[in-house]
Protein backbone atom coordinates (compact mmCIF):
# COMPACT_ATOMS: atom_id res chain seq x y z
CA UNK A 1 -143.07 117.65 -143.73
CA UNK A 2 -146.20 115.85 -144.97
CA UNK A 3 -146.18 117.86 -148.21
CA UNK A 4 -142.54 116.95 -148.83
CA UNK A 5 -143.30 113.28 -148.17
CA UNK A 6 -146.33 113.51 -150.48
CA UNK A 7 -144.17 114.96 -153.24
CA UNK A 8 -141.39 112.42 -152.71
CA UNK A 9 -143.95 109.67 -153.12
CA UNK A 10 -145.76 111.27 -156.05
CA UNK A 11 -142.72 111.83 -158.27
CA UNK A 12 -141.57 108.21 -158.56
CA UNK A 13 -145.20 107.07 -158.65
CA UNK A 14 -145.92 109.35 -161.60
CA UNK A 15 -142.79 108.25 -163.43
CA UNK A 16 -143.50 104.56 -162.85
CA UNK A 17 -147.11 104.96 -164.00
CA UNK A 18 -146.15 107.01 -167.04
CA UNK A 19 -143.47 104.59 -168.18
CA UNK A 20 -145.62 101.52 -167.52
CA UNK A 21 -143.43 99.93 -164.85
CA UNK A 22 -146.18 98.68 -162.59
CA UNK A 23 -144.06 95.94 -161.05
CA UNK A 24 -141.60 98.45 -159.66
CA UNK A 25 -144.48 100.55 -158.40
CA UNK A 26 -145.91 97.58 -156.55
CA UNK A 27 -142.49 96.84 -155.07
CA UNK A 28 -142.20 100.42 -153.82
CA UNK A 29 -145.75 100.22 -152.48
CA UNK A 30 -144.91 97.01 -150.63
CA UNK A 31 -141.75 98.58 -149.19
CA UNK A 32 -143.69 101.59 -147.87
CA UNK A 33 -146.42 99.35 -146.48
CA UNK A 34 -143.78 97.21 -144.78
CA UNK A 35 -142.19 100.30 -143.25
CA UNK A 36 -145.60 101.39 -141.99
CA UNK A 37 -146.27 97.98 -140.43
CA UNK A 38 -142.82 97.94 -138.81
CA UNK A 39 -143.31 101.46 -137.43
CA UNK A 40 -146.73 100.54 -136.05
CA UNK A 41 -145.29 97.41 -134.39
CA UNK A 42 -142.41 99.43 -132.93
CA UNK A 43 -144.85 102.02 -131.58
CA UNK A 44 -146.93 99.33 -129.91
CA UNK A 45 -143.83 97.83 -128.28
CA UNK A 46 -142.43 101.18 -127.11
CA UNK A 47 -143.30 102.97 -123.90
CA UNK A 48 -143.52 106.58 -122.89
CA UNK A 49 -142.51 109.33 -125.31
CA UNK A 50 -141.01 106.87 -127.80
CA UNK A 51 -144.52 106.05 -129.00
CA UNK A 52 -144.97 109.67 -130.06
CA UNK A 53 -141.88 109.54 -132.28
CA UNK A 54 -143.05 106.40 -134.04
CA UNK A 55 -146.53 107.85 -134.48
CA UNK A 56 -145.13 111.04 -136.01
CA UNK A 57 -143.06 109.05 -138.48
CA UNK A 58 -146.05 106.90 -139.37
CA UNK A 59 -148.66 109.62 -139.87
CA UNK A 60 -146.57 112.57 -141.02
CA UNK A 61 -144.03 110.83 -143.27
CA UNK A 62 -144.99 107.33 -144.37
CA UNK A 63 -148.73 107.78 -144.88
CA UNK A 64 -148.39 110.88 -147.14
CA UNK A 65 -145.60 109.14 -149.09
CA UNK A 66 -147.85 106.13 -149.67
CA UNK A 67 -150.74 108.35 -150.69
CA UNK A 68 -148.47 110.35 -153.01
CA UNK A 69 -147.18 107.16 -154.60
CA UNK A 70 -150.71 105.96 -155.33
CA UNK A 71 -151.91 109.34 -156.63
CA UNK A 72 -148.79 109.85 -158.74
CA UNK A 73 -149.07 106.39 -160.27
CA UNK A 74 -152.75 106.94 -161.04
CA UNK A 75 -152.01 110.29 -162.70
CA UNK A 76 -149.09 108.85 -164.67
CA UNK A 77 -151.18 105.90 -165.85
CA UNK A 78 -154.03 108.22 -166.80
CA UNK A 79 -151.72 110.45 -168.85
CA UNK A 80 -150.11 107.40 -170.45
CA UNK A 81 -153.47 105.99 -171.52
CA UNK A 82 -154.63 109.37 -172.72
CA UNK A 83 -151.61 109.59 -175.05
CA UNK A 84 -152.52 106.17 -176.42
CA UNK A 85 -149.44 104.35 -175.27
CA UNK A 86 -149.57 100.68 -174.50
CA UNK A 87 -147.98 98.98 -171.54
CA UNK A 88 -144.56 97.44 -172.07
CA UNK A 89 -145.95 93.92 -172.05
CA UNK A 90 -148.68 94.59 -174.64
């Protein structure tokens, strides 16, 4: 599951970095970070075995997706700069 989440985060991150759409990448990053904060708050409010479910979602799904998004965007931006393309606003 973490590898799937990593890939699902890396693909849009790469595309957004390669096409120079950093604003959308930041919006997706903020959405994932918000989901992580909400899951952490829900885990702290839960009791018993419910905490385990929230923790699994946080560490095995959302964290790899966030990492994949950042790595994909960095790779896409690197490849874009290497080809000599400029950002859309330049």
